Protein backbone atom coordinates (compact mmCIF):
# COMPACT_ATOMS: atom_id res chain seq x y z
CA UNK A 1 -3.43 -10.63 7.91
CA UNK A 2 -1.92 -8.20 5.26
CA UNK A 3 -0.28 -9.35 2.10
CA UNK A 4 3.56 -9.49 3.94
CA UNK A 5 2.34 -12.18 6.25
CA UNK A 6 0.70 -14.05 3.17
CA UNK A 7 4.14 -14.06 1.61
CA UNK A 8 5.96 -15.09 4.36
CA UNK A 9 3.45 -18.18 4.94
CA UNK A 10 4.02 -18.91 1.28
CA UNK A 11 7.68 -18.94 1.77
CA UNK A 12 8.16 -16.05 -0.90
CA UNK A 13 10.17 -13.78 1.50
CA UNK A 14 11.04 -13.88 5.43
CA UNK A 15 11.24 -11.80 7.99
CA UNK A 16 14.18 -12.87 10.10
CA UNK A 17 13.57 -10.19 12.75
CA UNK A 18 10.54 -8.91 14.27
CA UNK A 19 10.76 -5.31 14.95
CA UNK A 20 7.81 -5.37 17.61
CA UNK A 21 7.87 -8.99 18.82
CA UNK A 22 4.35 -8.62 19.95
CA UNK A 23 3.01 -7.95 16.04
CA UNK A 24 3.61 -9.66 12.93
CA UNK A 25 6.66 -8.66 11.33
CA UNK A 26 6.33 -5.29 9.49
CA UNK A 27 2.70 -4.92 9.98
CA UNK A 28 3.03 -1.13 10.42
CA UNK A 29 4.23 -0.99 6.98
CA UNK A 30 0.84 -2.42 5.81
CA UNK A 31 -1.33 -0.70 8.14
CA UNK A 32 0.15 2.76 8.51
CA UNK A 33 2.85 3.70 6.40
CA UNK A 34 1.79 2.49 2.91
CA UNK A 35 -1.87 3.70 3.32
CA UNK A 36 -0.78 7.15 4.99
CA UNK A 37 1.46 7.96 1.84
CA UNK A 38 -1.36 6.71 -0.86
CA UNK A 39 -4.04 8.64 1.31
CA UNK A 40 -1.60 11.97 1.23
CA UNK A 41 -1.02 11.49 -2.80
CA UNK A 42 -4.99 10.98 -3.31
CA UNK A 43 -5.63 14.26 -1.15
CA UNK A 44 -2.99 16.52 -2.94
CA UNK A 45 -3.16 14.96 -6.72
CA UNK A 46 -5.26 17.53 -8.55
CA UNK A 47 -6.39 15.02 -11.12
CA UNK A 48 -6.46 11.29 -12.05
CA UNK A 49 -2.97 11.60 -14.04
CA UNK A 50 -1.19 13.59 -11.03
CA UNK A 51 -2.20 10.74 -8.91
CA UNK A 52 -1.03 8.02 -11.21
CA UNK A 53 2.25 9.83 -11.53
CA UNK A 54 2.64 10.24 -7.89
CA UNK A 55 1.73 6.78 -7.11
CA UNK A 56 4.03 5.29 -9.80
CA UNK A 57 6.89 7.43 -8.49
CA UNK A 58 5.96 6.59 -4.51
CA UNK A 59 5.81 2.93 -5.29
CA UNK A 60 9.18 2.95 -7.11
CA UNK A 61 10.93 4.42 -3.93
CA UNK A 62 9.10 1.50 -1.86
CA UNK A 63 9.93 -1.59 -4.15
CA UNK A 64 13.17 -0.34 -5.35
CA UNK A 65 14.98 1.91 -2.53
CA UNK A 66 13.28 1.13 0.80
CA UNK A 67 12.72 -2.91 0.41
CA UNK A 68 16.63 -3.00 -0.58
CA UNK A 69 17.20 -1.18 2.26
CA UNK A 70 15.22 -3.39 4.74
CA UNK A 71 16.59 -6.60 2.81
CA UNK A 72 20.46 -5.11 3.22
CA UNK A 73 19.50 -4.37 7.00
CA UNK A 74 18.43 -8.01 7.79
CA UNK A 75 14.63 -7.05 8.25
CA UNK A 76 13.64 -8.90 4.93
CA UNK A 77 14.99 -11.78 2.80
CA UNK A 78 13.49 -12.58 -0.48
CA UNK A 79 13.02 -16.28 -1.04
CA UNK A 80 10.97 -16.79 -4.41
CA UNK A 81 10.46 -12.98 -4.87
CA UNK A 82 11.71 -10.12 -6.59
CA UNK A 83 11.64 -6.42 -5.88
CA UNK A 84 9.96 -5.76 -9.58
CA UNK A 85 7.00 -8.47 -8.33
CA UNK A 86 6.04 -5.99 -5.60
CA UNK A 87 5.69 -2.91 -8.01
CA UNK A 88 2.25 -3.81 -10.17
CA UNK A 89 0.97 -5.10 -6.70
CA UNK A 90 1.25 -1.85 -4.80
CA UNK A 91 0.34 0.60 -7.95
CA UNK A 92 -2.93 -1.82 -8.41
CA UNK A 93 -3.77 -1.47 -4.44
CA UNK A 94 -3.49 2.31 -4.61
CA UNK A 95 -5.53 2.69 -7.64
CA UNK A 96 -8.27 0.04 -6.57
CA UNK A 97 -8.37 1.97 -3.10
CA UNK A 98 -8.75 5.10 -4.65
CA UNK A 99 -11.46 4.01 -7.09
CA UNK A 100 -13.28 2.38 -4.14
CA UNK A 101 -12.98 5.74 -2.16
CA UNK A 102 -14.44 7.50 -5.12
CA UNK A 103 -17.43 5.19 -5.23
CA UNK A 104 -18.03 5.24 -1.61
CA UNK A 105 -18.08 8.95 -1.54
CA UNK A 106 -20.49 9.12 -4.64
CA UNK A 107 -22.86 6.68 -2.76
CA UNK A 108 -22.84 8.50 0.32
CA UNK A 109 -23.30 11.97 -1.44
CA UNK A 110 -26.20 10.72 -3.32
CA UNK A 111 -27.74 9.77 0.06
CA UNK A 112 -26.83 13.04 1.62
CA UNK A 113 -28.86 14.74 -1.40
CA UNK A 114 -31.82 12.62 -1.18
CA UNK A 115 -32.22 12.92 2.76
CA UNK A 116 -31.75 16.53 2.33
CA UNK A 117 -34.12 17.01 -0.49
CA UNK A 118 -37.12 15.77 1.99
């Protein structure tokens, strides 16, 4: 269950229309779109500063352009939520995932060096 489903259960927002009825509403955004875009930013950023600036811009597009369009189109209704609340959550998620990825790469890199050194 993604953050979108938790928000719906807590009546922070609602999805009146299921895009694909057999899946939870907008789960494709959680499982495909956001991770794909953030991973592309991670791969193409030359340094931490460029990554952070890219994430801040992409997140602004998600929160202040795409979410209002989804709301206007009737796919997303805010109940006890504001578009500004999503912004730090998306940024924090991108930064934490990048930090975890770097940590995992360092751990697996150390293991490869140790194994090849034997």
